[in-house]
Protein backbone atom coordinates (compact mmCIF):
# COMPACT_ATOMS: atom_id res chain seq x y z
CA MET A 1 0.00 0.00 0.00
CA LEU A 2 1.28 3.47 -0.89
CA TYR A 3 0.64 5.84 2.00
CA ILE A 4 0.79 9.59 1.27
CA ARG A 5 0.81 11.61 4.48
CA SER A 6 -0.27 14.96 3.00
CA LEU A 7 -1.43 16.52 -0.25
CA ARG A 8 1.90 18.28 -0.63
CA GLU A 9 3.86 15.05 -0.14
CA GLY A 10 1.74 13.47 -2.86
CA LEU A 11 2.58 16.04 -5.55
CA PRO A 12 5.02 13.75 -7.46
CA VAL A 13 2.44 10.96 -7.53
CA PHE A 14 -0.39 13.29 -8.56
CA LYS A 15 1.80 14.70 -11.33
CA ALA A 16 2.69 11.22 -12.57
CA LEU A 17 -1.00 10.28 -12.71
CA GLY A 18 -1.95 13.52 -14.46
CA SER A 19 -1.88 11.81 -17.84
CA ALA A 20 -4.46 9.51 -19.39
CA THR A 21 -1.66 7.45 -20.95
CA ARG A 22 0.16 6.93 -17.66
CA VAL A 23 -3.10 6.01 -15.95
CA ALA A 24 -3.69 3.47 -18.74
CA VAL A 25 -0.21 2.00 -18.11
CA MET A 26 -1.00 1.61 -14.40
CA GLU A 27 -4.38 0.02 -15.17
CA LEU A 28 -2.73 -2.50 -17.48
CA LEU A 29 -0.09 -3.51 -14.94
CA LEU A 30 -2.57 -3.79 -12.08
CA GLU A 31 -4.96 -5.88 -14.18
CA LYS A 32 -2.54 -8.12 -16.08
CA GLY A 33 0.55 -8.16 -13.88
CA PRO A 34 4.13 -7.52 -15.10
CA MET A 35 4.37 -6.72 -18.83
CA ARG A 36 7.12 -6.12 -21.35
CA MET A 37 7.44 -2.49 -22.43
CA THR A 38 7.00 -3.55 -26.05
CA ALA A 39 3.71 -5.26 -25.15
CA ILE A 40 2.48 -2.18 -23.27
CA ALA A 41 3.28 0.09 -26.22
CA GLU A 42 1.53 -2.27 -28.62
CA HIS A 43 -1.55 -2.51 -26.37
CA LEU A 44 -1.82 1.29 -26.05
CA GLY A 45 -1.02 1.96 -29.71
CA ILE A 46 1.96 4.25 -29.02
CA THR A 47 5.63 4.10 -29.96
CA GLY A 48 8.28 2.69 -27.67
CA GLY A 49 9.92 6.12 -27.51
CA ALA A 50 6.72 7.76 -26.34
CA LEU A 51 6.17 5.05 -23.72
CA THR A 52 9.70 5.49 -22.33
CA SER A 53 9.00 9.02 -21.09
CA HIS A 54 5.74 7.93 -19.44
CA VAL A 55 7.45 4.98 -17.76
CA LYS A 56 10.17 7.30 -16.41
CA GLU A 57 7.54 9.54 -14.80
CA LEU A 58 5.87 6.56 -13.14
CA THR A 59 9.21 5.15 -12.01
CA ASP A 60 10.39 8.47 -10.54
CA ALA A 61 7.11 8.70 -8.58
CA GLY A 62 7.65 5.24 -7.10
CA LEU A 63 4.59 3.72 -8.76
CA ILE A 64 6.36 1.12 -10.93
CA TYR A 65 9.78 -0.47 -11.30
CA ILE A 66 11.63 -1.97 -14.25
CA GLU A 67 13.20 -5.42 -14.37
CA THR A 68 15.66 -6.23 -17.17
CA THR A 69 15.80 -9.87 -18.24
CA GLY A 70 17.35 -11.83 -21.09
CA GLY A 71 15.20 -13.15 -23.93
CA LYS A 72 15.37 -14.71 -27.40
CA HIS A 73 15.67 -11.25 -28.92
CA GLY A 74 18.07 -9.70 -26.43
CA LEU A 75 17.36 -7.84 -23.22
CA GLN A 76 13.71 -7.32 -22.30
CA LYS A 77 12.41 -4.60 -19.98
CA ILE A 78 9.56 -5.79 -17.75
CA CYS A 79 7.36 -3.25 -15.96
CA HIS A 80 5.97 -4.06 -12.50
CA ALA A 81 3.44 -2.04 -10.50
CA TYR A 82 4.42 -1.49 -6.87
CA ASN A 83 1.02 -0.85 -5.29
CA GLN A 84 -2.58 -1.84 -5.76
CA HIS A 85 -3.91 0.42 -3.00
CA MET A 86 -3.17 4.08 -2.30
CA LEU A 87 -4.09 5.99 0.84
CA VAL A 88 -3.95 9.80 0.81
CA GLU A 89 -4.30 11.85 3.98
CA ALA A 90 -5.82 15.27 3.30
CA ALA A 91 -5.97 16.29 6.99
CA PRO A 92 -3.58 19.06 8.14
CA ALA A 93 -0.20 17.86 9.35
CA GLY A 94 -0.22 17.06 13.03
CA TYR A 95 -3.96 16.46 13.25
CA LEU A 96 -3.44 12.70 13.37
CA LYS A 97 -0.58 10.48 14.42
CA MET A 98 0.44 7.57 12.23
CA HIS A 99 2.33 4.35 12.95
CA GLN A 100 3.36 2.14 10.01
CA GLN A 101 4.82 -1.35 10.20
CA ASP A 102 6.11 -3.84 7.66
CA VAL A 103 5.48 -7.31 9.09
CA PRO A 104 7.37 -10.24 7.49
CA VAL A 105 4.95 -13.02 6.56
CA GLY A 106 6.97 -15.56 8.55
CA SER A 107 7.11 -13.55 11.79
CA PHE A 108 3.96 -15.10 13.29
CA VAL A 109 4.11 -15.83 17.01
CA ASP A 110 1.57 -18.67 16.98
CA SER A 111 0.26 -21.07 14.35
CA ARG A 112 -2.26 -23.86 13.91
CA VAL A 113 -2.02 -25.21 10.39
CA SER A 114 -3.03 -28.26 8.37
CA GLU A 115 -1.06 -29.85 5.54
CA PRO A 116 -0.25 -29.16 2.80
CA CYS A 117 1.60 -26.27 4.37
CA GLY A 118 5.03 -24.73 4.25
CA LEU A 119 7.34 -21.75 4.33
CA ALA A 120 9.74 -20.65 1.61
CA LEU A 121 12.61 -18.26 1.15
CA SER A 122 13.10 -16.78 -2.31
CA LYS A 123 15.60 -19.58 -3.05
CA GLY A 124 13.22 -22.37 -2.11
CA PRO A 125 11.16 -24.03 0.65
CA ILE A 126 12.55 -24.09 4.18
CA PRO A 127 13.37 -27.76 4.92
CA GLY A 128 10.99 -29.44 7.32
CA THR A 129 8.28 -26.79 7.25
CA GLN A 130 6.10 -28.89 4.94
CA GLU A 131 4.92 -30.69 8.07
CA ALA A 132 2.54 -28.89 10.41
CA ASN A 133 4.39 -29.91 13.56
CA THR A 134 7.62 -28.27 12.36
CA PHE A 135 6.10 -24.96 11.29
CA GLN A 136 8.10 -23.10 13.92
CA ALA A 137 11.47 -23.37 12.14
CA LEU A 138 13.94 -20.69 13.22
CA GLU A 139 14.29 -19.52 9.63
CA ARG A 140 10.59 -18.73 9.39
CA GLU A 141 11.07 -15.02 10.19
CA HIS A 142 12.88 -14.66 6.85
CA ALA A 143 10.14 -16.45 4.88
CA GLU A 144 8.86 -14.81 1.69
CA LEU A 145 5.91 -17.18 1.27
CA VAL A 146 3.58 -19.02 3.66
CA TRP A 147 0.98 -21.58 2.56
CA LEU A 148 -1.48 -23.70 4.51
CA ALA A 149 -4.49 -25.86 3.67
CA GLU A 150 -6.39 -24.42 6.63
CA GLY A 151 -5.75 -23.08 10.11
CA ASP A 152 -4.56 -19.76 11.46
CA LEU A 153 -1.49 -17.59 11.97
CA THR A 154 -1.17 -14.96 14.69
CA TYR A 155 1.08 -11.90 14.50
CA THR A 156 1.74 -9.21 17.09
CA LEU A 157 1.90 -5.53 16.15
CA PRO A 158 3.79 -3.34 18.63
CA THR A 159 2.20 0.12 18.91
CA PRO A 160 3.29 3.50 20.31
CA LEU A 161 -0.05 3.90 22.12
CA VAL A 162 0.01 5.09 25.73
CA LYS A 163 -2.79 5.63 28.23
CA GLY A 164 -5.16 8.30 26.97
CA ASP A 165 -4.47 7.78 23.25
CA LYS A 166 -7.41 7.00 20.98
CA ALA A 167 -7.16 4.57 18.04
CA LEU A 168 -9.02 5.93 15.00
CA GLU A 169 -8.27 3.46 12.21
CA LEU A 170 -6.22 0.34 11.54
CA ASN A 171 -5.39 -0.49 7.92
CA ILE A 172 -3.88 -3.84 6.93
CA SER A 173 -2.81 -4.80 3.42
CA LEU A 174 -1.35 -8.10 2.24
CA GLU A 175 -1.02 -10.11 -0.95
CA MET A 176 -2.93 -13.40 -0.85
CA ALA A 177 -4.23 -16.11 -3.14
CA ALA A 178 -6.08 -19.39 -2.74
CA PHE A 179 -4.45 -22.55 -4.02
CA SER A 180 -5.82 -26.00 -4.72
CA SER A 181 -4.27 -29.23 -3.51
CA VAL A 182 -5.80 -30.90 -6.57
CA GLU A 183 -3.83 -30.25 -9.75
CA GLY A 184 -5.83 -28.52 -12.45
CA ARG A 185 -8.41 -27.10 -10.04
CA GLN A 186 -8.52 -23.52 -8.83
CA GLY A 187 -9.20 -22.89 -5.19
CA ALA A 188 -11.33 -20.60 -3.07
CA THR A 189 -10.75 -19.97 0.61
CA ASN A 190 -12.71 -18.29 3.38
CA VAL A 191 -10.30 -15.93 5.11
CA SER A 192 -11.12 -14.43 8.50
CA LEU A 193 -9.33 -11.66 10.35
CA ALA A 194 -9.39 -11.23 14.13
CA ILE A 195 -8.05 -8.29 16.10
CA ASN A 196 -7.21 -9.01 19.74
CA ASP A 197 -9.11 -12.32 19.46
CA THR A 198 -12.30 -10.68 18.12
CA ASN A 199 -13.32 -11.63 14.58
CA VAL A 200 -13.88 -8.52 12.45
CA ALA A 201 -14.14 -9.81 8.88
CA THR A 202 -14.62 -12.92 6.74
CA TRP A 203 -14.40 -12.91 2.96
CA VAL A 204 -13.51 -15.21 0.06
CA VAL A 205 -10.04 -15.21 -1.49
CA THR A 206 -9.69 -16.87 -4.89
CA SER A 207 -6.75 -18.08 -6.96
CA GLY A 208 -4.42 -15.48 -8.33
CA ARG A 209 -2.67 -15.63 -11.67
CA MET A 210 -2.31 -19.29 -12.72
CA GLY A 211 0.04 -20.87 -15.20
CA ASP A 212 2.88 -23.35 -15.56
CA ARG A 213 5.60 -20.74 -15.96
CA SER A 214 7.49 -19.54 -12.89
CA SER A 215 10.90 -18.09 -12.16
CA TYR A 216 11.27 -20.71 -9.39
CA SER A 217 12.19 -24.28 -10.29
CA TRP A 218 10.51 -25.55 -7.10
CA TRP A 219 7.15 -23.87 -7.82
CA GLN A 220 4.26 -26.34 -8.04
CA ARG A 221 2.17 -26.32 -11.20
CA ASN A 222 -1.15 -25.80 -9.43
CA TRP A 223 0.10 -22.79 -7.45
CA PRO A 224 -0.90 -19.29 -8.58
CA GLN A 225 2.02 -17.14 -9.69
CA HIS A 226 0.96 -14.30 -7.44
CA GLY A 227 -2.03 -13.04 -5.49
CA ILE A 228 -4.12 -9.93 -5.06
CA VAL A 229 -3.48 -7.26 -2.45
CA HIS A 230 -6.40 -7.15 -0.01
CA LEU A 231 -6.95 -4.00 2.04
CA ILE A 232 -8.75 -4.29 5.38
CA SER A 233 -9.73 -1.04 7.08
CA ILE A 234 -11.10 -1.05 10.64
CA GLY A 235 -12.28 2.43 11.54
CA THR A 236 -14.95 4.35 13.42
CA GLU A 237 -17.74 3.32 11.02
CA GLY A 238 -17.07 -0.42 10.87
CA THR A 239 -14.76 -2.79 9.02
CA PHE A 240 -14.21 -2.70 5.27
CA VAL A 241 -12.50 -5.23 3.00
CA ASN A 242 -11.45 -3.88 -0.40
CA ASP A 243 -13.78 -0.88 0.15
CA LYS A 244 -16.81 -3.08 0.95
CA ARG A 245 -18.29 -2.90 4.46
CA VAL A 246 -18.28 -6.40 5.95
CA SER A 247 -19.01 -5.86 9.65
CA ALA A 248 -19.84 -3.31 12.32
CA ALA A 249 -16.59 -3.97 14.24
CA LYS A 250 -14.98 -0.63 15.16
CA VAL A 251 -11.38 0.02 16.03
CA GLY A 252 -12.28 1.91 19.20
CA ASN A 253 -13.84 -1.24 20.65
CA LEU A 254 -10.90 -3.44 19.66
CA VAL A 255 -7.82 -1.36 20.41
CA THR A 256 -8.46 0.16 23.81
CA ASP A 257 -5.25 -0.36 25.79
CA PRO A 258 -1.55 0.35 25.26
CA GLY A 259 0.53 -2.60 24.13
CA ASP A 260 0.69 -5.01 21.23
CA ILE A 261 -2.20 -5.69 18.86
CA ARG A 262 -2.84 -9.39 18.12
CA LEU A 263 -3.70 -10.00 14.45
CA THR A 264 -4.93 -13.48 13.53
CA ILE A 265 -5.46 -14.64 9.94
CA SER A 266 -7.54 -17.81 9.54
CA ALA A 267 -8.22 -19.94 6.46
CA GLN A 268 -10.97 -22.47 5.79
CA PRO A 269 -12.04 -24.07 2.46
CA ALA A 270 -14.92 -22.16 0.87
CA GLY A 271 -17.90 -24.51 0.50
CA ARG A 272 -17.29 -27.49 -1.75
CA ARG A 273 -14.33 -25.86 -3.49
CA THR A 274 -10.93 -27.11 -2.45
CA GLY A 275 -8.54 -24.39 -1.46
CA GLY A 276 -5.77 -23.34 0.87
CA LEU A 277 -4.20 -19.95 1.46
CA MET A 278 -0.92 -18.44 0.25
CA ILE A 279 0.44 -15.23 1.80
CA PHE A 280 3.17 -13.58 -0.27
CA GLY A 281 6.13 -11.58 1.05
CA SER A 282 8.21 -8.83 -0.48
CA ALA A 283 10.39 -11.07 -2.68
CA ILE A 284 7.76 -13.53 -3.96
CA GLY A 285 4.53 -12.51 -5.65
CA HIS A 286 3.58 -9.46 -7.63
CA HIS A 287 3.39 -6.51 -5.26
CA ALA A 288 6.76 -6.53 -3.46
CA GLN A 289 5.35 -6.08 0.02
CA ASN A 290 5.04 -7.95 3.30
CA ILE A 291 2.02 -7.52 5.59
CA HIS A 292 1.73 -3.75 5.81
CA THR A 293 -0.10 -2.08 8.68
CA LEU A 294 -0.99 1.54 9.38
CA LEU A 295 -2.46 2.67 12.69
CA LYS A 296 -4.03 6.14 12.91
CA TYR A 297 -4.52 7.53 16.38
CA ARG A 298 -4.89 10.73 18.37
CA ARG A 299 -2.69 11.55 21.33
CA GLY A 300 -4.34 12.00 24.73
CA LYS A 301 -4.61 15.49 26.21
CA GLN A 302 -1.78 14.88 28.66
CA ARG A 303 0.63 14.46 25.72
């Protein structure tokens, strides 16, 4: 998630998006995933030279990045979009306090998982973690991918809150996809989120981008290549998942005391469809992010 703290801070991003062509480039990348520059130019009906200047604007604003790879016809430039969600604060500076955290997907403090399950670094699966009773491997904190047939993972989020502070909103974004343990079948998974042991949202996560091709030799054929970034927002008017209100749970009733916030992600197969859950980290997947959290709060009067 791209978080812009003020309108002035967002000027480079607003400028980069002040072009219908550059917006079209972003829409393509967010819809289709990484694309070659030649394919983008062909899709938009513009020359490669014209596209280069637009790509530079988007790159300078931190909205996309370029990967250069070898191909049959020489070097290929692949465009990737960094963010699927953008949050802009229009409130005057100092009106709210913000606390951001980047939580590695393997840094859970408790787990209850069913096989097939596992943890992987970018170079490959962590040995032994394909069995549920060895899911607490020491290397797990460096994991870039977590997968489980069903069960739950609990993370703790340290906060700067002290007595008298008031939590106003908690935003959580993470890249997820369902996977099927049956080759050739796509999965669907019911995902639930609990804050401090209170369930706030349940929604269905489906398979991400499928296909046999992968940059990892150990990747299984029935695994999606990447997921979709889901944004959960728990505020003063209820809980929203991807901008849709899913419950009346409010942050003020959930985060009331100083100290860590417990965040639990649970997965269960959705109906008759077979599916587990994959959570992608910053080095595996499409969006180059871990579990990102943003807590908005107001300081107490004594501060």
